[in-house]
Amino acid sequence: MPEWRTQAEVVVAVDDTDIPGEGGTGSVARAIAARLSPDFRVWGVTRHQFAVLPEIPLTARNSGNVIHLLDAPDDLHALAHEVVDWVRGLHVAGSEPGVCVARAEALLGVPLGLEAKGRFVHRSEAWDAAAAAGAVLRHAVEAEDGIVGAFAGACLAAQGNDGRFVEMGRLRELAGEVTVKEVLEAGGDEVRSVEEDLLTDEVLLADKLRPALRYGKCVLYCKREKARWVPIHGAPGDREEEARLHAR
């Protein structure tokens, strides 16, 4: 059993809603989160990176997005049906979107999410693993490729130690010089250095805040750069993290 898990009761994952050069699954996931927020407490939306291999069809960087709900609906199938309808109206024509709705606890220990970060996962594996976990897995169009990323993303999000937040509280509103206190008040759980030291009173020079999902918490990591604390995207060692540091 993993040591950590998301703070959410239910995870709603979407993948493959875009095509090269058009659309983005992150924006689709945030739009769905906004539609869910009147009826559910949305903890945040996370992005999860999968393997980039020649045999895997992808539009950009092969990632999925997951909405974390602090409330559990009575009927996962009804919620999945509603989300699929929304995705059909939001996805870019030519994409192959998949949706997964699952109770986070049921996905703890399911290895397919971590495996999808390093190898090709066949659709049949996702269908079988989802059925065994009681997850609701759906494709929004006839093609099924998006269901793999949807289920893998749901597994990674549920286990609470992967990916980064693309939406959490009011963190997207913060920029410029911000304090640790402001980050915590806007929705973050912790601010740490890349060496894992806890930061408390420091001032950060922020552009976009994209904290990591680590230890079941929303953790903003920062590095010391030219005598300033600069937030990084995700956690130390994450794919793409170095490329997305602010150029100073």
Protein backbone atom coordinates (compact mmCIF):
# COMPACT_ATOMS: atom_id res chain seq x y z
CA MET A 1 0.00 0.00 0.00
CA PRO A 2 1.47 3.41 -0.94
CA GLU A 3 2.51 5.68 1.89
CA TRP A 4 0.61 8.65 0.45
CA ARG A 5 -2.63 9.32 -1.40
CA THR A 6 -4.46 12.33 -2.72
CA GLN A 7 -6.63 14.27 -0.29
CA ALA A 8 -9.54 13.71 -2.68
CA GLU A 9 -12.18 11.00 -2.44
CA VAL A 10 -12.75 10.74 -6.20
CA VAL A 11 -10.52 11.42 -9.20
CA VAL A 12 -11.83 12.43 -12.64
CA ALA A 13 -9.21 12.00 -15.37
CA VAL A 14 -9.21 13.09 -19.01
CA ASP A 15 -6.69 12.52 -21.78
CA ASP A 16 -6.19 13.01 -25.52
CA THR A 17 -8.61 15.90 -26.08
CA ASP A 18 -6.33 17.81 -28.49
CA ILE A 19 -4.45 17.43 -31.76
CA PRO A 20 -0.99 18.70 -32.71
CA GLY A 21 -1.02 22.49 -32.62
CA GLU A 22 -4.59 22.85 -31.41
CA GLY A 23 -6.26 22.56 -28.04
CA GLY A 24 -4.93 21.36 -24.71
CA THR A 25 -6.12 18.77 -22.21
CA GLY A 26 -5.17 21.02 -19.30
CA SER A 27 -7.63 23.70 -20.38
CA VAL A 28 -10.33 21.05 -20.90
CA ALA A 29 -9.73 19.65 -17.41
CA ARG A 30 -9.91 23.11 -15.84
CA ALA A 31 -13.16 23.80 -17.68
CA ILE A 32 -14.63 20.54 -16.38
CA ALA A 33 -13.45 21.38 -12.87
CA ALA A 34 -15.30 24.70 -13.11
CA ARG A 35 -18.47 22.90 -14.17
CA LEU A 36 -18.14 20.44 -11.29
CA SER A 37 -17.43 23.08 -8.65
CA PRO A 38 -21.07 24.06 -7.96
CA ASP A 39 -21.84 20.47 -6.90
CA PHE A 40 -18.48 19.23 -5.58
CA ARG A 41 -15.55 20.56 -3.63
CA VAL A 42 -12.70 20.58 -6.15
CA TRP A 43 -9.30 20.26 -4.46
CA GLY A 44 -7.28 20.91 -7.62
CA VAL A 45 -6.31 19.76 -11.12
CA THR A 46 -3.04 17.92 -11.76
CA ARG A 47 -1.01 17.07 -14.85
CA HIS A 48 0.78 13.71 -15.14
CA GLN A 49 3.56 12.82 -17.57
CA PHE A 50 3.64 9.46 -19.36
CA ALA A 51 6.32 7.79 -21.46
CA VAL A 52 7.33 9.38 -24.75
CA LEU A 53 8.13 6.47 -27.06
CA PRO A 54 7.91 5.94 -30.84
CA GLU A 55 5.14 3.37 -30.46
CA ILE A 56 2.93 5.72 -28.42
CA PRO A 57 0.70 8.14 -30.37
CA LEU A 58 0.77 11.59 -28.82
CA THR A 59 0.02 15.21 -29.67
CA ALA A 60 2.69 17.03 -27.67
CA ARG A 61 4.24 15.65 -24.48
CA ASN A 62 1.96 12.67 -23.69
CA SER A 63 0.37 13.83 -20.47
CA GLY A 64 -3.05 13.53 -18.87
CA ASN A 65 -4.95 15.73 -16.44
CA VAL A 66 -6.91 14.82 -13.34
CA ILE A 67 -9.54 16.66 -11.28
CA HIS A 68 -9.48 15.86 -7.56
CA LEU A 69 -12.90 15.89 -5.83
CA LEU A 70 -13.15 16.03 -2.06
CA ASP A 71 -16.73 14.70 -2.27
CA ALA A 72 -17.80 11.27 -3.48
CA PRO A 73 -20.88 11.14 -5.74
CA ASP A 74 -23.45 8.44 -5.12
CA ASP A 75 -23.14 7.16 -8.69
CA LEU A 76 -19.77 7.15 -10.44
CA HIS A 77 -21.40 6.05 -13.70
CA ALA A 78 -23.73 9.05 -13.74
CA LEU A 79 -20.83 11.41 -13.11
CA ALA A 80 -18.76 9.76 -15.85
CA HIS A 81 -21.69 10.08 -18.29
CA GLU A 82 -21.93 13.80 -17.54
CA VAL A 83 -18.18 14.35 -17.91
CA VAL A 84 -18.11 12.46 -21.22
CA ASP A 85 -20.87 14.73 -22.54
CA TRP A 86 -18.82 17.79 -21.57
CA VAL A 87 -15.68 16.38 -23.15
CA ARG A 88 -17.55 15.79 -26.41
CA GLY A 89 -18.32 19.48 -26.48
CA LEU A 90 -14.81 20.58 -25.51
CA HIS A 91 -12.42 18.28 -27.37
CA VAL A 92 -10.81 19.12 -30.70
CA ALA A 93 -12.16 17.17 -33.68
CA GLY A 94 -9.74 14.40 -34.59
CA SER A 95 -8.66 13.71 -31.01
CA GLU A 96 -9.53 10.51 -29.14
CA PRO A 97 -10.52 11.58 -25.62
CA GLY A 98 -10.85 9.17 -22.74
CA VAL A 99 -12.42 9.70 -19.32
CA CYS A 100 -11.93 7.85 -16.04
CA VAL A 101 -13.91 8.36 -12.84
CA ALA A 102 -12.82 6.36 -9.80
CA ARG A 103 -12.67 6.34 -6.04
CA ALA A 104 -9.10 7.22 -5.11
CA GLU A 105 -8.81 4.53 -2.47
CA ALA A 106 -9.65 1.82 -5.01
CA LEU A 107 -6.66 2.81 -7.16
CA LEU A 108 -4.05 2.68 -4.40
CA GLY A 109 -1.44 0.10 -5.27
CA VAL A 110 -2.57 -0.27 -8.91
CA PRO A 111 0.78 -0.32 -10.81
CA LEU A 112 -0.42 0.67 -14.28
CA GLY A 113 -0.01 4.41 -13.68
CA LEU A 114 3.67 4.14 -12.84
CA GLU A 115 4.18 1.62 -15.64
CA ALA A 116 2.73 4.07 -18.16
CA LYS A 117 5.56 6.45 -17.31
CA GLY A 118 8.08 4.00 -18.71
CA ARG A 119 6.45 1.72 -21.28
CA PHE A 120 3.70 1.32 -23.84
CA VAL A 121 0.42 0.26 -22.19
CA HIS A 122 -2.15 -1.49 -24.37
CA ARG A 123 -5.81 -0.49 -24.18
CA SER A 124 -6.77 -3.99 -23.02
CA GLU A 125 -4.54 -3.58 -19.96
CA ALA A 126 -6.31 -0.36 -19.03
CA TRP A 127 -9.77 -1.88 -19.51
CA ASP A 128 -8.88 -4.90 -17.37
CA ALA A 129 -7.23 -2.91 -14.58
CA ALA A 130 -10.10 -0.40 -14.47
CA ALA A 131 -12.67 -3.17 -14.19
CA ALA A 132 -10.72 -4.81 -11.37
CA ALA A 133 -10.57 -1.50 -9.46
CA GLY A 134 -14.22 -0.61 -10.02
CA ALA A 135 -13.24 2.48 -12.02
CA VAL A 136 -15.56 3.83 -14.71
CA LEU A 137 -13.61 4.12 -17.97
CA ARG A 138 -15.17 5.67 -21.07
CA HIS A 139 -14.10 6.90 -24.50
CA ALA A 140 -15.89 10.00 -25.75
CA VAL A 141 -15.56 9.13 -29.45
CA GLU A 142 -15.35 5.83 -31.31
CA ALA A 143 -11.55 5.58 -31.02
CA GLU A 144 -10.27 4.35 -27.65
CA ASP A 145 -6.65 5.55 -27.39
CA GLY A 146 -7.42 8.18 -24.75
CA ILE A 147 -8.63 5.67 -22.18
CA VAL A 148 -5.06 4.53 -21.42
CA GLY A 149 -3.89 7.98 -20.34
CA ALA A 150 -7.13 8.63 -18.49
CA PHE A 151 -6.80 5.52 -16.36
CA ALA A 152 -3.04 5.89 -15.88
CA GLY A 153 -3.48 9.52 -14.83
CA ALA A 154 -6.21 8.57 -12.37
CA CYS A 155 -3.90 5.97 -10.79
CA LEU A 156 -1.00 8.41 -10.46
CA ALA A 157 -3.21 11.14 -9.03
CA ALA A 158 -4.83 8.80 -6.52
CA GLN A 159 -1.45 7.73 -5.17
CA GLY A 160 -0.63 11.36 -4.40
CA ASN A 161 3.05 11.48 -5.29
CA ASP A 162 3.31 12.38 -8.98
CA GLY A 163 2.68 15.27 -11.33
CA ARG A 164 2.08 18.95 -10.83
CA PHE A 165 -0.94 21.17 -10.26
CA VAL A 166 -2.20 23.18 -13.20
CA GLU A 167 -4.91 24.59 -10.96
CA MET A 168 -5.07 24.87 -7.19
CA GLY A 169 -7.05 27.46 -5.30
CA ARG A 170 -5.92 30.95 -6.33
CA LEU A 171 -2.30 30.04 -7.10
CA ARG A 172 -2.66 30.88 -10.80
CA GLU A 173 -3.38 34.48 -9.78
CA LEU A 174 -0.05 34.99 -8.01
CA ALA A 175 2.94 36.51 -9.82
CA GLY A 176 5.87 38.75 -9.09
CA GLU A 177 7.20 38.92 -5.54
CA VAL A 178 5.04 36.72 -3.33
CA THR A 179 5.55 35.48 0.20
CA VAL A 180 5.31 31.92 1.46
CA LYS A 181 2.32 33.04 3.51
CA GLU A 182 0.54 34.20 0.35
CA VAL A 183 1.20 30.85 -1.33
CA LEU A 184 -0.27 28.98 1.63
CA GLU A 185 -3.29 31.27 1.80
CA ALA A 186 -3.90 30.80 -1.94
CA GLY A 187 -4.08 27.00 -1.69
CA GLY A 188 -0.60 25.56 -1.26
CA ASP A 189 0.14 23.13 1.58
CA GLU A 190 3.92 23.60 1.79
CA VAL A 191 6.77 25.55 0.20
CA ARG A 192 10.11 23.73 0.07
CA SER A 193 13.56 24.15 -1.40
CA VAL A 194 14.67 21.62 -4.01
CA GLU A 195 16.69 20.05 -1.18
CA GLU A 196 13.37 19.48 0.67
CA ASP A 197 13.97 22.13 3.35
CA LEU A 198 10.73 23.76 4.49
CA LEU A 199 10.53 27.48 3.65
CA THR A 200 8.48 29.72 5.94
CA ASP A 201 9.30 33.44 5.76
CA GLU A 202 11.02 33.74 2.40
CA VAL A 203 9.96 35.94 -0.53
CA LEU A 204 9.62 34.19 -3.89
CA LEU A 205 10.05 35.67 -7.35
CA ALA A 206 7.24 33.97 -9.25
CA ASP A 207 6.03 33.92 -12.83
CA LYS A 208 3.70 30.91 -12.97
CA LEU A 209 3.21 28.74 -9.92
CA ARG A 210 2.93 25.05 -10.79
CA PRO A 211 3.40 23.16 -7.50
CA ALA A 212 3.89 19.42 -7.31
CA LEU A 213 1.58 16.73 -5.98
CA ARG A 214 3.88 15.16 -3.42
CA TYR A 215 3.23 13.29 -0.18
CA GLY A 216 -0.50 13.78 -0.78
CA LYS A 217 0.00 17.56 -0.60
CA CYS A 218 0.30 20.59 -2.85
CA VAL A 219 4.02 21.37 -2.52
CA LEU A 220 5.68 24.36 -4.21
CA TYR A 221 9.40 23.74 -4.77
CA CYS A 222 11.89 26.60 -5.15
CA LYS A 223 15.55 26.90 -6.02
CA ARG A 224 18.04 29.55 -4.98
CA GLU A 225 19.03 31.59 -8.01
CA LYS A 226 21.07 34.82 -7.93
CA ALA A 227 20.24 35.34 -4.26
CA ARG A 228 16.50 34.89 -4.92
CA TRP A 229 14.06 32.04 -4.39
CA VAL A 230 12.55 31.03 -7.73
CA PRO A 231 9.71 28.47 -7.92
CA ILE A 232 10.17 25.56 -10.32
CA HIS A 233 7.48 23.67 -12.23
CA GLY A 234 6.64 20.43 -10.44
CA ALA A 235 9.23 18.68 -8.29
CA PRO A 236 13.00 18.29 -8.63
CA GLY A 237 13.81 15.72 -11.28
CA ASP A 238 10.44 15.90 -13.02
CA ARG A 239 10.52 15.61 -16.79
CA GLU A 240 10.58 19.09 -18.40
CA GLU A 241 11.29 20.81 -15.10
CA GLU A 242 14.72 22.16 -16.03
CA ALA A 243 13.51 23.36 -19.43
CA ARG A 244 10.75 25.38 -17.81
CA LEU A 245 12.77 27.22 -15.19
CA HIS A 246 12.68 30.97 -15.55
CA ALA A 247 15.58 32.33 -17.57
CA ARG A 248 17.33 34.99 -15.51
